[in-house]
C-alpha atoms as a PDB file:
ATOM      1  CA  UNK A   1      -7.122  12.139  -9.136  1.00  0.00           C
ATOM      2  CA  UNK A   2      -4.453  10.298 -11.120  1.00  0.00           C
ATOM      3  CA  UNK A   3      -4.253   9.862 -14.870  1.00  0.00           C
ATOM      4  CA  UNK A   4      -6.095   7.069 -16.633  1.00  0.00           C
ATOM      5  CA  UNK A   5      -3.983   5.252 -19.208  1.00  0.00           C
ATOM      6  CA  UNK A   6      -5.018   2.918 -22.015  1.00  0.00           C
ATOM      7  CA  UNK A   7      -3.442   0.064 -23.955  1.00  0.00           C
ATOM      8  CA  UNK A   8      -4.915  -1.789 -26.935  1.00  0.00           C
ATOM      9  CA  UNK A   9      -4.485  -5.545 -27.151  1.00  0.00           C
ATOM     10  CA  UNK A  10      -5.794  -8.265 -29.477  1.00  0.00           C
ATOM     11  CA  UNK A  11      -7.303 -11.576 -28.434  1.00  0.00           C
ATOM     12  CA  UNK A  12      -4.780 -14.260 -29.383  1.00  0.00           C
ATOM     13  CA  UNK A  13      -5.699 -17.757 -30.582  1.00  0.00           C
ATOM     14  CA  UNK A  14      -4.116 -19.353 -27.511  1.00  0.00           C
ATOM     15  CA  UNK A  15      -6.390 -17.238 -25.254  1.00  0.00           C
ATOM     16  CA  UNK A  16      -9.499 -19.139 -26.352  1.00  0.00           C
ATOM     17  CA  UNK A  17     -10.839 -21.971 -24.193  1.00  0.00           C
ATOM     18  CA  UNK A  18     -13.087 -24.942 -24.963  1.00  0.00           C
ATOM     19  CA  UNK A  19     -16.154 -22.695 -24.721  1.00  0.00           C
ATOM     20  CA  UNK A  20     -14.848 -20.543 -27.608  1.00  0.00           C
ATOM     21  CA  UNK A  21     -14.221 -17.410 -25.565  1.00  0.00           C
ATOM     22  CA  UNK A  22     -11.240 -15.994 -23.695  1.00  0.00           C
ATOM     23  CA  UNK A  23     -10.399 -18.108 -20.668  1.00  0.00           C
ATOM     24  CA  UNK A  24     -10.791 -16.205 -17.395  1.00  0.00           C
ATOM     25  CA  UNK A  25      -7.117 -16.625 -16.478  1.00  0.00           C
ATOM     26  CA  UNK A  26      -6.034 -14.690 -19.581  1.00  0.00           C
ATOM     27  CA  UNK A  27      -7.512 -11.454 -18.279  1.00  0.00           C
ATOM     28  CA  UNK A  28      -4.738 -11.276 -15.683  1.00  0.00           C
ATOM     29  CA  UNK A  29      -2.259 -11.597 -18.575  1.00  0.00           C
ATOM     30  CA  UNK A  30      -3.985  -8.703 -20.355  1.00  0.00           C
ATOM     31  CA  UNK A  31      -3.792  -6.539 -17.239  1.00  0.00           C
ATOM     32  CA  UNK A  32      -0.107  -7.366 -16.802  1.00  0.00           C
ATOM     33  CA  UNK A  33       0.670  -6.657 -20.482  1.00  0.00           C
ATOM     34  CA  UNK A  34      -1.070  -3.283 -20.235  1.00  0.00           C
ATOM     35  CA  UNK A  35       0.811  -2.393 -17.055  1.00  0.00           C
ATOM     36  CA  UNK A  36       4.191  -3.240 -18.668  1.00  0.00           C
ATOM     37  CA  UNK A  37       3.273  -1.137 -21.702  1.00  0.00           C
ATOM     38  CA  UNK A  38       2.162   1.742 -19.508  1.00  0.00           C
ATOM     39  CA  UNK A  39       5.238   1.615 -17.275  1.00  0.00           C
ATOM     40  CA  UNK A  40       7.380   2.446 -20.306  1.00  0.00           C
ATOM     41  CA  UNK A  41       5.064   4.768 -22.211  1.00  0.00           C
ATOM     42  CA  UNK A  42       3.107   6.548 -19.476  1.00  0.00           C
ATOM     43  CA  UNK A  43       5.069   6.377 -16.225  1.00  0.00           C
ATOM     44  CA  UNK A  44       8.471   6.601 -17.933  1.00  0.00           C
ATOM     45  CA  UNK A  45       9.988   3.817 -15.851  1.00  0.00           C
ATOM     46  CA  UNK A  46      10.238   0.417 -17.485  1.00  0.00           C
ATOM     47  CA  UNK A  47       9.972  -2.827 -15.560  1.00  0.00           C
ATOM     48  CA  UNK A  48      13.648  -3.418 -16.379  1.00  0.00           C
ATOM     49  CA  UNK A  49      14.624  -0.102 -14.740  1.00  0.00           C
ATOM     50  CA  UNK A  50      12.473  -0.995 -11.767  1.00  0.00           C
ATOM     51  CA  UNK A  51      14.073  -4.434 -11.444  1.00  0.00           C
ATOM     52  CA  UNK A  52      17.568  -3.001 -11.947  1.00  0.00           C
ATOM     53  CA  UNK A  53      16.937  -1.037  -8.756  1.00  0.00           C
ATOM     54  CA  UNK A  54      16.127  -4.298  -6.971  1.00  0.00           C
ATOM     55  CA  UNK A  55      12.349  -3.798  -6.886  1.00  0.00           C
ATOM     56  CA  UNK A  56       9.395  -5.846  -8.023  1.00  0.00           C
ATOM     57  CA  UNK A  57       5.634  -5.796  -7.653  1.00  0.00           C
ATOM     58  CA  UNK A  58       3.675  -8.907  -6.690  1.00  0.00           C
ATOM     59  CA  UNK A  59      -0.074  -9.294  -6.773  1.00  0.00           C
ATOM     60  CA  UNK A  60      -1.468  -9.126  -3.258  1.00  0.00           C
ATOM     61  CA  UNK A  61      -5.113  -9.256  -4.289  1.00  0.00           C
ATOM     62  CA  UNK A  62      -6.986  -9.412  -7.588  1.00  0.00           C
ATOM     63  CA  UNK A  63     -10.738  -8.861  -7.782  1.00  0.00           C
ATOM     64  CA  UNK A  64     -12.088  -9.372 -11.293  1.00  0.00           C
ATOM     65  CA  UNK A  65     -15.720  -8.751 -12.222  1.00  0.00           C
ATOM     66  CA  UNK A  66     -16.610 -10.319 -15.569  1.00  0.00           C
ATOM     67  CA  UNK A  67     -19.367  -8.596 -17.558  1.00  0.00           C
ATOM     68  CA  UNK A  68     -19.203 -10.211 -21.015  1.00  0.00           C
ATOM     69  CA  UNK A  69     -16.906 -12.456 -23.015  1.00  0.00           C
ATOM     70  CA  UNK A  70     -14.240 -11.653 -25.554  1.00  0.00           C
ATOM     71  CA  UNK A  71     -13.884 -14.056 -28.479  1.00  0.00           C
ATOM     72  CA  UNK A  72     -11.423 -14.793 -31.271  1.00  0.00           C
ATOM     73  CA  UNK A  73     -10.851 -11.737 -33.454  1.00  0.00           C
ATOM     74  CA  UNK A  74     -11.845  -9.194 -30.798  1.00  0.00           C
ATOM     75  CA  UNK A  75      -9.638  -6.328 -29.777  1.00  0.00           C
ATOM     76  CA  UNK A  76      -9.757  -4.695 -26.371  1.00  0.00           C
ATOM     77  CA  UNK A  77      -8.776  -1.490 -24.666  1.00  0.00           C
ATOM     78  CA  UNK A  78      -7.356  -1.897 -21.167  1.00  0.00           C
ATOM     79  CA  UNK A  79      -7.724   1.210 -19.008  1.00  0.00           C
ATOM     80  CA  UNK A  80      -5.829   1.468 -15.739  1.00  0.00           C
ATOM     81  CA  UNK A  81      -5.697   4.136 -13.073  1.00  0.00           C
ATOM     82  CA  UNK A  82      -3.820   4.347  -9.796  1.00  0.00           C
ATOM     83  CA  UNK A  83      -6.400   4.775  -7.059  1.00  0.00           C
ATOM     84  CA  UNK A  84      -4.127   4.789  -4.028  1.00  0.00           C
ATOM     85  CA  UNK A  85      -0.538   4.293  -2.946  1.00  0.00           C
ATOM     86  CA  UNK A  86       0.177   3.294   0.630  1.00  0.00           C
ATOM     87  CA  UNK A  87       3.462   2.491   2.345  1.00  0.00           C
ATOM     88  CA  UNK A  88       4.161  -0.709   0.352  1.00  0.00           C
ATOM     89  CA  UNK A  89       1.003  -1.199  -1.766  1.00  0.00           C
ATOM     90  CA  UNK A  90      -0.477   0.315  -4.872  1.00  0.00           C
ATOM     91  CA  UNK A  91      -4.149  -0.100  -5.806  1.00  0.00           C
ATOM     92  CA  UNK A  92      -4.958  -0.039  -9.509  1.00  0.00           C
ATOM     93  CA  UNK A  93      -8.472   0.194 -10.975  1.00  0.00           C
ATOM     94  CA  UNK A  94      -8.826  -1.622 -14.281  1.00  0.00           C
ATOM     95  CA  UNK A  95     -11.466  -1.654 -16.985  1.00  0.00           C
ATOM     96  CA  UNK A  96     -11.332  -3.708 -20.154  1.00  0.00           C
ATOM     97  CA  UNK A  97     -13.586  -2.665 -23.018  1.00  0.00           C
ATOM     98  CA  UNK A  98     -14.461  -4.442 -26.252  1.00  0.00           C
ATOM     99  CA  UNK A  99     -12.883  -2.019 -28.722  1.00  0.00           C
ATOM    100  CA  UNK A 100     -15.413  -2.203 -31.578  1.00  0.00           C
ATOM    101  CA  UNK A 101     -18.539  -2.319 -29.403  1.00  0.00           C
ATOM    102  CA  UNK A 102     -17.248   0.022 -26.668  1.00  0.00           C
ATOM    103  CA  UNK A 103     -18.799  -2.332 -24.094  1.00  0.00           C
ATOM    104  CA  UNK A 104     -17.342  -3.061 -20.666  1.00  0.00           C
ATOM    105  CA  UNK A 105     -15.965  -6.607 -20.557  1.00  0.00           C
ATOM    106  CA  UNK A 106     -14.398  -6.557 -17.109  1.00  0.00           C
ATOM    107  CA  UNK A 107     -13.670  -4.261 -14.224  1.00  0.00           C
ATOM    108  CA  UNK A 108     -11.076  -5.109 -11.622  1.00  0.00           C
ATOM    109  CA  UNK A 109      -9.202  -3.962  -8.582  1.00  0.00           C
ATOM    110  CA  UNK A 110      -5.578  -5.001  -8.412  1.00  0.00           C
ATOM    111  CA  UNK A 111      -3.511  -4.561  -5.265  1.00  0.00           C
ATOM    112  CA  UNK A 112       0.228  -4.904  -5.753  1.00  0.00           C
ATOM    113  CA  UNK A 113       2.892  -4.978  -3.044  1.00  0.00           C
ATOM    114  CA  UNK A 114       6.364  -3.709  -3.791  1.00  0.00           C
ATOM    115  CA  UNK A 115       9.088  -6.139  -2.824  1.00  0.00           C
ATOM    116  CA  UNK A 116      12.837  -6.173  -2.560  1.00  0.00           C
ATOM    117  CA  UNK A 117      13.965  -8.730  -5.166  1.00  0.00           C
ATOM    118  CA  UNK A 118      16.918  -9.842  -3.065  1.00  0.00           C
ATOM    119  CA  UNK A 119      14.988 -10.553   0.133  1.00  0.00           C
ATOM    120  CA  UNK A 120      11.481 -11.170  -1.229  1.00  0.00           C
ATOM    121  CA  UNK A 121      10.106  -8.980   1.554  1.00  0.00           C
ATOM    122  CA  UNK A 122       7.810  -6.003   1.093  1.00  0.00           C
ATOM    123  CA  UNK A 123       9.527  -2.660   0.938  1.00  0.00           C
ATOM    124  CA  UNK A 124       8.523   0.996   1.180  1.00  0.00           C
ATOM    125  CA  UNK A 125       7.719   2.506  -2.194  1.00  0.00           C
ATOM    126  CA  UNK A 126      10.423   5.150  -2.818  1.00  0.00           C
ATOM    127  CA  UNK A 127       9.315   8.758  -3.188  1.00  0.00           C
ATOM    128  CA  UNK A 128      10.526   9.022  -6.809  1.00  0.00           C
ATOM    129  CA  UNK A 129       8.515   5.925  -7.788  1.00  0.00           C
ATOM    130  CA  UNK A 130       5.472   7.267  -5.940  1.00  0.00           C
ATOM    131  CA  UNK A 131       5.787  10.552  -7.877  1.00  0.00           C
ATOM    132  CA  UNK A 132       5.913   8.731 -11.224  1.00  0.00           C
ATOM    133  CA  UNK A 133       2.772   6.759 -10.413  1.00  0.00           C
ATOM    134  CA  UNK A 134       0.804   9.731  -9.137  1.00  0.00           C
ATOM    135  CA  UNK A 135       0.744  11.575 -12.475  1.00  0.00           C
END
């Protein structure tokens, strides 16, 4: 089993839609922000370091299950955990909780494919990167 990491984020005013809650598309932004934060602080390999090596991750599949809404003034905790790493893909389980209420807002499965930034093609995840993500 891999480690579960957490990042705290606030709801921003520009996240709110006409229905006065966070627009569904913003949750992908929250997941991405948490992953960037965790790359530096938990996996000890920033996105810049990753890109300097000529690598990137693109979303292959995103399955988001919405449970309840976040609204202006809320804060959230984004938990992520690597479930599996294959040849070119990494599967991340995500949960977003309302911080004050400790209620599940969303659970998700994100599948990312590693690519070569020069060619745009998928590429084998190097062993040292695999080791960092399997902590």
